[in-house]
Amino acid sequence: MINIKTEKELEIMREGGKIAARILNLLAQKVKPGITTKELDLIAAAEIKKSGAKASFLGQAGFPASICTSINSEVVHGIPSGRILRDGDLVGIDLGILFMGYHNDTALTVPVGKIDYPKKELLKITQKSLAEALDIIRPGIHLGDIGHRIQKIVEGAGYSVIRDLAGHGIGRELQENPSIPNFGRPGSGPVLKKGMVLAIEPMVSAGDWQVKILKDGWTVVTCDGSLSAHFEHTVAVTADGHEILTKI
């Protein structure tokens, strides 16, 4: 069953989504060579508290931080630490907030200092796959249409979609039905309806799609050590299209 949100619930999620978008934008601006991922986490924690929200990830199944920070071949769920970001790195920042009982989830991958052309292309294609997937969201399409659009763009550019991870429904719970893979067949899966709220998050590898979890029990990395990128928005299905909630 996929939860349908009322207009009152959507109003709360809109407000929370704007808070999440503002904080993620601030974190992206703070990324520079020499900063640690723990410093980014402390900034996030302070901003979340100041906004009257809570960090969705902190304590979730034991996760020890307010944000996830994933560097280079790390796909998602990287734990902030004293690790210093260096010129040429890519860092994925994943942020979830709980505001007035409802979650929003959003992410982006940021260049650290100057990056080379292949890294720029990876970011460009991953962002494009998210943007074009969001463009087709409206009542009446199938869930598989979203994954298919992402897969077509990513694989068409010579990259791989991570198949062991997926987007998800979101609302009172951080992860609700449905699971939203970044691949699929057109016309397959549930039909979207007004009031559904979805977290769409292409996770892309410059090499193979296979991943593994490090000994910390959280950090997901590409098995072949290839670079990865991750972008995410929380989006509501409206009467005639969609609304991106995690957007300033």
C-alpha atoms as a PDB file:
ATOM      1  CA  MET A   1       0.000   0.000   0.000  1.00  0.00           C
ATOM      2  CA  ILE A   2       1.266   3.473  -0.931  1.00  0.00           C
ATOM      3  CA  ASN A   3       0.172   6.213   1.455  1.00  0.00           C
ATOM      4  CA  ILE A   4      -1.778   9.149   0.043  1.00  0.00           C
ATOM      5  CA  LYS A   5      -1.076  12.444   1.792  1.00  0.00           C
ATOM      6  CA  THR A   6      -3.800  14.962   2.593  1.00  0.00           C
ATOM      7  CA  GLU A   7      -3.398  18.626   1.687  1.00  0.00           C
ATOM      8  CA  LYS A   8      -2.671  19.387   5.349  1.00  0.00           C
ATOM      9  CA  GLU A   9       0.091  16.781   5.392  1.00  0.00           C
ATOM     10  CA  LEU A  10       1.523  18.153   2.152  1.00  0.00           C
ATOM     11  CA  GLU A  11       1.600  21.659   3.619  1.00  0.00           C
ATOM     12  CA  ILE A  12       3.766  20.387   6.469  1.00  0.00           C
ATOM     13  CA  MET A  13       6.016  18.516   4.058  1.00  0.00           C
ATOM     14  CA  ARG A  14       6.369  21.617   1.871  1.00  0.00           C
ATOM     15  CA  GLU A  15       7.610  23.604   4.841  1.00  0.00           C
ATOM     16  CA  GLY A  16       9.951  20.811   5.906  1.00  0.00           C
ATOM     17  CA  GLY A  17      11.182  20.394   2.348  1.00  0.00           C
ATOM     18  CA  LYS A  18      12.185  24.045   2.142  1.00  0.00           C
ATOM     19  CA  ILE A  19      14.121  23.695   5.411  1.00  0.00           C
ATOM     20  CA  ALA A  20      15.935  20.619   4.062  1.00  0.00           C
ATOM     21  CA  ALA A  21      16.724  22.367   0.775  1.00  0.00           C
ATOM     22  CA  ARG A  22      18.121  25.433   2.541  1.00  0.00           C
ATOM     23  CA  ILE A  23      20.371  23.379   4.807  1.00  0.00           C
ATOM     24  CA  LEU A  24      21.641  21.170   1.969  1.00  0.00           C
ATOM     25  CA  ASN A  25      22.415  24.276  -0.098  1.00  0.00           C
ATOM     26  CA  LEU A  26      24.345  25.748   2.841  1.00  0.00           C
ATOM     27  CA  LEU A  27      26.339  22.532   3.279  1.00  0.00           C
ATOM     28  CA  ALA A  28      27.216  22.503  -0.424  1.00  0.00           C
ATOM     29  CA  GLN A  29      28.586  26.032  -0.083  1.00  0.00           C
ATOM     30  CA  LYS A  30      30.756  24.964   2.869  1.00  0.00           C
ATOM     31  CA  VAL A  31      32.473  22.207   0.883  1.00  0.00           C
ATOM     32  CA  LYS A  32      36.083  23.130   0.150  1.00  0.00           C
ATOM     33  CA  PRO A  33      39.514  21.520   0.351  1.00  0.00           C
ATOM     34  CA  GLY A  34      40.585  21.150   3.993  1.00  0.00           C
ATOM     35  CA  ILE A  35      37.181  20.815   5.638  1.00  0.00           C
ATOM     36  CA  THR A  36      36.327  17.523   7.326  1.00  0.00           C
ATOM     37  CA  THR A  37      33.096  15.623   6.882  1.00  0.00           C
ATOM     38  CA  LYS A  38      32.584  15.833  10.656  1.00  0.00           C
ATOM     39  CA  GLU A  39      32.627  19.628  10.395  1.00  0.00           C
ATOM     40  CA  LEU A  40      29.886  19.414   7.764  1.00  0.00           C
ATOM     41  CA  ASP A  41      27.889  17.182  10.086  1.00  0.00           C
ATOM     42  CA  LEU A  42      28.216  19.658  12.963  1.00  0.00           C
ATOM     43  CA  ILE A  43      27.019  22.495  10.716  1.00  0.00           C
ATOM     44  CA  ALA A  44      24.053  20.387   9.633  1.00  0.00           C
ATOM     45  CA  ALA A  45      23.143  19.445  13.199  1.00  0.00           C
ATOM     46  CA  ALA A  46      23.196  23.090  14.308  1.00  0.00           C
ATOM     47  CA  GLU A  47      21.088  24.249  11.368  1.00  0.00           C
ATOM     48  CA  ILE A  48      18.550  21.450  11.808  1.00  0.00           C
ATOM     49  CA  LYS A  49      18.131  22.313  15.488  1.00  0.00           C
ATOM     50  CA  LYS A  50      17.859  26.033  14.723  1.00  0.00           C
ATOM     51  CA  SER A  51      15.070  25.254  12.232  1.00  0.00           C
ATOM     52  CA  GLY A  52      12.962  23.430  14.824  1.00  0.00           C
ATOM     53  CA  ALA A  53      13.454  20.112  13.050  1.00  0.00           C
ATOM     54  CA  LYS A  54      15.246  16.861  13.857  1.00  0.00           C
ATOM     55  CA  ALA A  55      17.782  14.862  11.857  1.00  0.00           C
ATOM     56  CA  SER A  56      16.005  11.893  10.293  1.00  0.00           C
ATOM     57  CA  PHE A  57      19.177   9.832  10.056  1.00  0.00           C
ATOM     58  CA  LEU A  58      20.569  10.326  13.567  1.00  0.00           C
ATOM     59  CA  GLY A  59      19.888   7.112  15.489  1.00  0.00           C
ATOM     60  CA  GLN A  60      18.054   5.532  12.546  1.00  0.00           C
ATOM     61  CA  ALA A  61      18.965   1.841  12.972  1.00  0.00           C
ATOM     62  CA  GLY A  62      21.915   3.122  14.986  1.00  0.00           C
ATOM     63  CA  PHE A  63      23.332   5.598  12.442  1.00  0.00           C
ATOM     64  CA  PRO A  64      25.643   7.929  14.417  1.00  0.00           C
ATOM     65  CA  ALA A  65      25.376  11.239  12.530  1.00  0.00           C
ATOM     66  CA  SER A  66      22.938  13.850  11.205  1.00  0.00           C
ATOM     67  CA  ILE A  67      23.994  13.533   7.565  1.00  0.00           C
ATOM     68  CA  CYS A  68      25.661  10.982   5.313  1.00  0.00           C
ATOM     69  CA  THR A  69      28.891  12.029   3.585  1.00  0.00           C
ATOM     70  CA  SER A  70      30.133   9.704   0.836  1.00  0.00           C
ATOM     71  CA  ILE A  71      33.445  10.382  -0.913  1.00  0.00           C
ATOM     72  CA  ASN A  72      34.499   9.292  -4.418  1.00  0.00           C
ATOM     73  CA  SER A  73      33.828   5.529  -4.661  1.00  0.00           C
ATOM     74  CA  GLU A  74      31.490   5.670  -1.654  1.00  0.00           C
ATOM     75  CA  VAL A  75      27.941   5.556  -2.986  1.00  0.00           C
ATOM     76  CA  VAL A  76      25.820   6.336   0.094  1.00  0.00           C
ATOM     77  CA  HIS A  77      25.659   6.096   3.916  1.00  0.00           C
ATOM     78  CA  GLY A  78      29.190   7.328   4.560  1.00  0.00           C
ATOM     79  CA  ILE A  79      29.684   8.279   8.216  1.00  0.00           C
ATOM     80  CA  PRO A  80      31.080  11.789   8.856  1.00  0.00           C
ATOM     81  CA  SER A  81      34.525  11.696  10.476  1.00  0.00           C
ATOM     82  CA  GLY A  82      37.804  13.535  10.719  1.00  0.00           C
ATOM     83  CA  ARG A  83      38.519  12.700   7.090  1.00  0.00           C
ATOM     84  CA  ILE A  84      39.678  15.798   5.234  1.00  0.00           C
ATOM     85  CA  LEU A  85      38.194  16.638   1.841  1.00  0.00           C
ATOM     86  CA  ARG A  86      40.873  17.201  -0.791  1.00  0.00           C
ATOM     87  CA  ASP A  87      40.990  19.090  -4.063  1.00  0.00           C
ATOM     88  CA  GLY A  88      39.509  16.916  -6.803  1.00  0.00           C
ATOM     89  CA  ASP A  89      37.279  14.809  -4.540  1.00  0.00           C
ATOM     90  CA  LEU A  90      33.564  14.271  -5.005  1.00  0.00           C
ATOM     91  CA  VAL A  91      31.452  14.248  -1.841  1.00  0.00           C
ATOM     92  CA  GLY A  92      27.846  13.129  -1.693  1.00  0.00           C
ATOM     93  CA  ILE A  93      25.805  14.812   1.059  1.00  0.00           C
ATOM     94  CA  ASP A  94      22.549  13.114   2.019  1.00  0.00           C
ATOM     95  CA  LEU A  95      20.223  14.952   4.408  1.00  0.00           C
ATOM     96  CA  GLY A  96      16.935  13.895   5.981  1.00  0.00           C
ATOM     97  CA  ILE A  97      14.893  16.013   8.367  1.00  0.00           C
ATOM     98  CA  LEU A  98      11.857  15.307  10.515  1.00  0.00           C
ATOM     99  CA  PHE A  99       9.610  18.366  10.787  1.00  0.00           C
ATOM    100  CA  MET A 100       6.225  18.330  12.570  1.00  0.00           C
ATOM    101  CA  GLY A 101       6.068  14.547  12.280  1.00  0.00           C
ATOM    102  CA  TYR A 102       7.001  14.231   8.577  1.00  0.00           C
ATOM    103  CA  HIS A 103      10.276  13.425   6.863  1.00  0.00           C
ATOM    104  CA  ASN A 104      11.944  14.957   3.793  1.00  0.00           C
ATOM    105  CA  ASP A 105      14.995  13.429   2.143  1.00  0.00           C
ATOM    106  CA  THR A 106      17.376  15.136  -0.284  1.00  0.00           C
ATOM    107  CA  ALA A 107      20.934  14.719  -1.547  1.00  0.00           C
ATOM    108  CA  LEU A 108      23.524  16.050  -3.945  1.00  0.00           C
ATOM    109  CA  THR A 109      27.110  15.362  -4.912  1.00  0.00           C
ATOM    110  CA  VAL A 110      29.509  18.283  -4.726  1.00  0.00           C
ATOM    111  CA  PRO A 111      32.920  18.817  -6.321  1.00  0.00           C
ATOM    112  CA  VAL A 112      35.718  19.680  -3.891  1.00  0.00           C
ATOM    113  CA  GLY A 113      37.810  22.417  -5.456  1.00  0.00           C
ATOM    114  CA  LYS A 114      38.669  21.724  -9.098  1.00  0.00           C
ATOM    115  CA  ILE A 115      37.606  18.429 -10.652  1.00  0.00           C
ATOM    116  CA  ASP A 116      38.479  16.918 -14.021  1.00  0.00           C
ATOM    117  CA  TYR A 117      36.206  16.450 -17.031  1.00  0.00           C
ATOM    118  CA  PRO A 118      35.219  12.805 -16.316  1.00  0.00           C
ATOM    119  CA  LYS A 119      34.001  13.778 -12.837  1.00  0.00           C
ATOM    120  CA  LYS A 120      32.081  16.736 -14.236  1.00  0.00           C
ATOM    121  CA  GLU A 121      30.385  14.435 -16.749  1.00  0.00           C
ATOM    122  CA  LEU A 122      29.423  11.934 -14.038  1.00  0.00           C
ATOM    123  CA  LEU A 123      27.752  14.710 -12.028  1.00  0.00           C
ATOM    124  CA  LYS A 124      26.076  16.125 -15.125  1.00  0.00           C
ATOM    125  CA  ILE A 125      24.543  12.815 -16.198  1.00  0.00           C
ATOM    126  CA  THR A 126      23.402  11.883 -12.696  1.00  0.00           C
ATOM    127  CA  GLN A 127      21.710  15.276 -12.271  1.00  0.00           C
ATOM    128  CA  LYS A 128      20.169  14.960 -15.718  1.00  0.00           C
ATOM    129  CA  SER A 129      18.733  11.540 -14.924  1.00  0.00           C
ATOM    130  CA  LEU A 130      17.042  12.919 -11.810  1.00  0.00           C
ATOM    131  CA  ALA A 131      15.699  16.004 -13.571  1.00  0.00           C
ATOM    132  CA  GLU A 132      14.261  14.036 -16.488  1.00  0.00           C
ATOM    133  CA  ALA A 133      12.748  11.401 -14.189  1.00  0.00           C
ATOM    134  CA  LEU A 134      11.015  14.119 -12.186  1.00  0.00           C
ATOM    135  CA  ASP A 135       9.730  15.723 -15.400  1.00  0.00           C
ATOM    136  CA  ILE A 136       7.555  12.709 -16.229  1.00  0.00           C
ATOM    137  CA  ILE A 137       5.970  12.321 -12.775  1.00  0.00           C
ATOM    138  CA  ARG A 138       2.210  12.811 -12.874  1.00  0.00           C
ATOM    139  CA  PRO A 139      -0.914  10.781 -12.058  1.00  0.00           C
ATOM    140  CA  GLY A 140      -1.382   7.792 -14.359  1.00  0.00           C
ATOM    141  CA  ILE A 141       2.233   6.894 -15.090  1.00  0.00           C
ATOM    142  CA  HIS A 142       3.694   3.688 -13.721  1.00  0.00           C
ATOM    143  CA  LEU A 143       6.468   3.475 -11.167  1.00  0.00           C
ATOM    144  CA  GLY A 144       8.552   1.535 -13.673  1.00  0.00           C
ATOM    145  CA  ASP A 145       8.467   4.536 -16.023  1.00  0.00           C
ATOM    146  CA  ILE A 146      10.558   6.514 -13.531  1.00  0.00           C
ATOM    147  CA  GLY A 147      13.244   3.855 -13.160  1.00  0.00           C
ATOM    148  CA  HIS A 148      13.301   3.286 -16.906  1.00  0.00           C
ATOM    149  CA  ARG A 149      13.898   6.979 -17.598  1.00  0.00           C
ATOM    150  CA  ILE A 150      16.821   7.091 -15.149  1.00  0.00           C
ATOM    151  CA  GLN A 151      18.311   3.857 -16.505  1.00  0.00           C
ATOM    152  CA  LYS A 152      18.033   4.993 -20.124  1.00  0.00           C
ATOM    153  CA  ILE A 153      19.890   8.252 -19.488  1.00  0.00           C
ATOM    154  CA  VAL A 154      22.568   6.748 -17.234  1.00  0.00           C
ATOM    155  CA  GLU A 155      23.347   3.656 -19.273  1.00  0.00           C
ATOM    156  CA  GLY A 156      23.055   5.627 -22.519  1.00  0.00           C
ATOM    157  CA  ALA A 157      25.979   7.731 -21.299  1.00  0.00           C
ATOM    158  CA  GLY A 158      28.067   4.652 -20.480  1.00  0.00           C
ATOM    159  CA  TYR A 159      27.522   4.625 -16.720  1.00  0.00           C
ATOM    160  CA  SER A 160      25.761   2.140 -14.431  1.00  0.00           C
ATOM    161  CA  VAL A 161      22.790   2.515 -12.086  1.00  0.00           C
ATOM    162  CA  ILE A 162      23.337   0.959  -8.673  1.00  0.00           C
ATOM    163  CA  ARG A 163      20.842  -1.913  -8.598  1.00  0.00           C
ATOM    164  CA  ASP A 164      21.048  -2.893  -4.931  1.00  0.00           C
ATOM    165  CA  LEU A 165      19.777   0.484  -3.698  1.00  0.00           C
ATOM    166  CA  ALA A 166      16.568   2.374  -4.445  1.00  0.00           C
ATOM    167  CA  GLY A 167      14.449   5.429  -3.785  1.00  0.00           C
ATOM    168  CA  HIS A 168      11.326   5.127  -1.652  1.00  0.00           C
ATOM    169  CA  GLY A 169       8.048   6.548  -0.487  1.00  0.00           C
ATOM    170  CA  ILE A 170       8.298   9.010   2.381  1.00  0.00           C
ATOM    171  CA  GLY A 171       6.111  10.745   4.952  1.00  0.00           C
ATOM    172  CA  ARG A 172       5.527   9.865   8.586  1.00  0.00           C
ATOM    173  CA  GLU A 173       8.219   7.224   8.072  1.00  0.00           C
ATOM    174  CA  LEU A 174      11.566   7.965   6.479  1.00  0.00           C
ATOM    175  CA  GLN A 175      11.153   4.970   4.199  1.00  0.00           C
ATOM    176  CA  GLU A 176       7.644   4.002   3.125  1.00  0.00           C
ATOM    177  CA  ASN A 177       6.260   2.000   0.221  1.00  0.00           C
ATOM    178  CA  PRO A 178       6.995   1.854  -2.623  1.00  0.00           C
ATOM    179  CA  SER A 179      10.615   0.931  -3.277  1.00  0.00           C
ATOM    180  CA  ILE A 180      11.726   2.879  -6.367  1.00  0.00           C
ATOM    181  CA  PRO A 181      14.603   1.220  -8.267  1.00  0.00           C
ATOM    182  CA  ASN A 182      16.634   3.321 -10.687  1.00  0.00           C
ATOM    183  CA  PHE A 183      15.917   0.854 -13.477  1.00  0.00           C
ATOM    184  CA  GLY A 184      12.746  -0.730 -14.791  1.00  0.00           C
ATOM    185  CA  ARG A 185      10.337  -1.473 -17.596  1.00  0.00           C
ATOM    186  CA  PRO A 186       7.923   1.158 -18.929  1.00  0.00           C
ATOM    187  CA  GLY A 187       4.348   0.429 -17.890  1.00  0.00           C
ATOM    188  CA  SER A 188       5.353  -1.790 -14.960  1.00  0.00           C
ATOM    189  CA  GLY A 189       4.625  -1.348 -11.282  1.00  0.00           C
ATOM    190  CA  PRO A 190       1.973   0.662  -9.414  1.00  0.00           C
ATOM    191  CA  VAL A 191       0.208   3.598 -11.032  1.00  0.00           C
ATOM    192  CA  LEU A 192       0.974   6.992  -9.500  1.00  0.00           C
ATOM    193  CA  LYS A 193      -1.873   8.928  -7.891  1.00  0.00           C
ATOM    194  CA  LYS A 194      -2.299  12.443  -6.557  1.00  0.00           C
ATOM    195  CA  GLY A 195      -1.022  12.731  -2.993  1.00  0.00           C
ATOM    196  CA  MET A 196       1.757  10.169  -3.243  1.00  0.00           C
ATOM    197  CA  VAL A 197       5.122  11.471  -2.031  1.00  0.00           C
ATOM    198  CA  LEU A 198       8.289   9.868  -3.344  1.00  0.00           C
ATOM    199  CA  ALA A 199      12.029  10.211  -2.739  1.00  0.00           C
ATOM    200  CA  ILE A 200      13.654   9.817  -6.161  1.00  0.00           C
ATOM    201  CA  GLU A 201      17.408   9.257  -5.934  1.00  0.00           C
ATOM    202  CA  PRO A 202      19.562   8.052  -8.817  1.00  0.00           C
ATOM    203  CA  MET A 203      22.806   6.505  -7.559  1.00  0.00           C
ATOM    204  CA  VAL A 204      25.265   6.135 -10.399  1.00  0.00           C
ATOM    205  CA  SER A 205      28.639   4.474 -10.867  1.00  0.00           C
ATOM    206  CA  ALA A 206      31.223   5.394 -13.477  1.00  0.00           C
ATOM    207  CA  GLY A 207      32.081   1.693 -13.632  1.00  0.00           C
ATOM    208  CA  ASP A 208      30.208  -1.447 -12.622  1.00  0.00           C
ATOM    209  CA  TRP A 209      26.978  -1.337 -10.611  1.00  0.00           C
ATOM    210  CA  GLN A 210      27.945  -3.870  -7.942  1.00  0.00           C
ATOM    211  CA  VAL A 211      28.462  -2.577  -4.401  1.00  0.00           C
ATOM    212  CA  LYS A 212      29.539  -3.772  -0.966  1.00  0.00           C
ATOM    213  CA  ILE A 213      29.273  -2.462   2.606  1.00  0.00           C
ATOM    214  CA  LEU A 214      32.443  -1.566   4.505  1.00  0.00           C
ATOM    215  CA  LYS A 215      33.332  -2.892   7.961  1.00  0.00           C
ATOM    216  CA  ASP A 216      31.673   0.114   9.630  1.00  0.00           C
ATOM    217  CA  GLY A 217      28.374  -1.539   8.704  1.00  0.00           C
ATOM    218  CA  TRP A 218      27.094   1.519   6.815  1.00  0.00           C
ATOM    219  CA  THR A 219      29.268   2.865   4.032  1.00  0.00           C
ATOM    220  CA  VAL A 220      28.292   1.467   0.626  1.00  0.00           C
ATOM    221  CA  VAL A 221      31.116   1.500  -1.944  1.00  0.00           C
ATOM    222  CA  THR A 222      31.500   0.371  -5.542  1.00  0.00           C
ATOM    223  CA  CYS A 223      33.191  -3.042  -5.711  1.00  0.00           C
ATOM    224  CA  ASP A 224      35.485  -1.972  -8.538  1.00  0.00           C
ATOM    225  CA  GLY A 225      36.501   1.299  -6.848  1.00  0.00           C
ATOM    226  CA  SER A 226      34.865   3.441  -9.517  1.00  0.00           C
ATOM    227  CA  LEU A 227      33.546   6.916  -8.779  1.00  0.00           C
ATOM    228  CA  SER A 228      29.923   7.373  -7.775  1.00  0.00           C
ATOM    229  CA  ALA A 229      27.372  10.201  -7.681  1.00  0.00           C
ATOM    230  CA  HIS A 230      24.023  10.605  -5.927  1.00  0.00           C
ATOM    231  CA  PHE A 231      21.275  13.211  -6.257  1.00  0.00           C
ATOM    232  CA  GLU A 232      17.853  13.131  -4.581  1.00  0.00           C
ATOM    233  CA  HIS A 233      14.615  15.102  -4.257  1.00  0.00           C
ATOM    234  CA  THR A 234      11.407  14.482  -2.378  1.00  0.00           C
ATOM    235  CA  VAL A 235       8.505  15.026  -4.777  1.00  0.00           C
ATOM    236  CA  ALA A 236       4.717  15.043  -4.413  1.00  0.00           C
ATOM    237  CA  VAL A 237       2.373  13.841  -7.154  1.00  0.00           C
ATOM    238  CA  THR A 238      -0.151  16.611  -7.871  1.00  0.00           C
ATOM    239  CA  ALA A 239      -3.433  16.633  -9.822  1.00  0.00           C
ATOM    240  CA  ASP A 240      -1.699  17.436 -13.106  1.00  0.00           C
ATOM    241  CA  GLY A 241       1.987  16.786 -12.487  1.00  0.00           C
ATOM    242  CA  HIS A 242       4.372  16.998  -9.578  1.00  0.00           C
ATOM    243  CA  GLU A 243       5.863  19.357  -7.019  1.00  0.00           C
ATOM    244  CA  ILE A 244       9.476  19.156  -5.843  1.00  0.00           C
ATOM    245  CA  LEU A 245       9.284  19.655  -2.087  1.00  0.00           C
ATOM    246  CA  THR A 246      13.037  19.788  -1.392  1.00  0.00           C
ATOM    247  CA  LYS A 247      13.662  22.886  -3.465  1.00  0.00           C
ATOM    248  CA  ILE A 248      14.285  26.451  -2.324  1.00  0.00           C
END
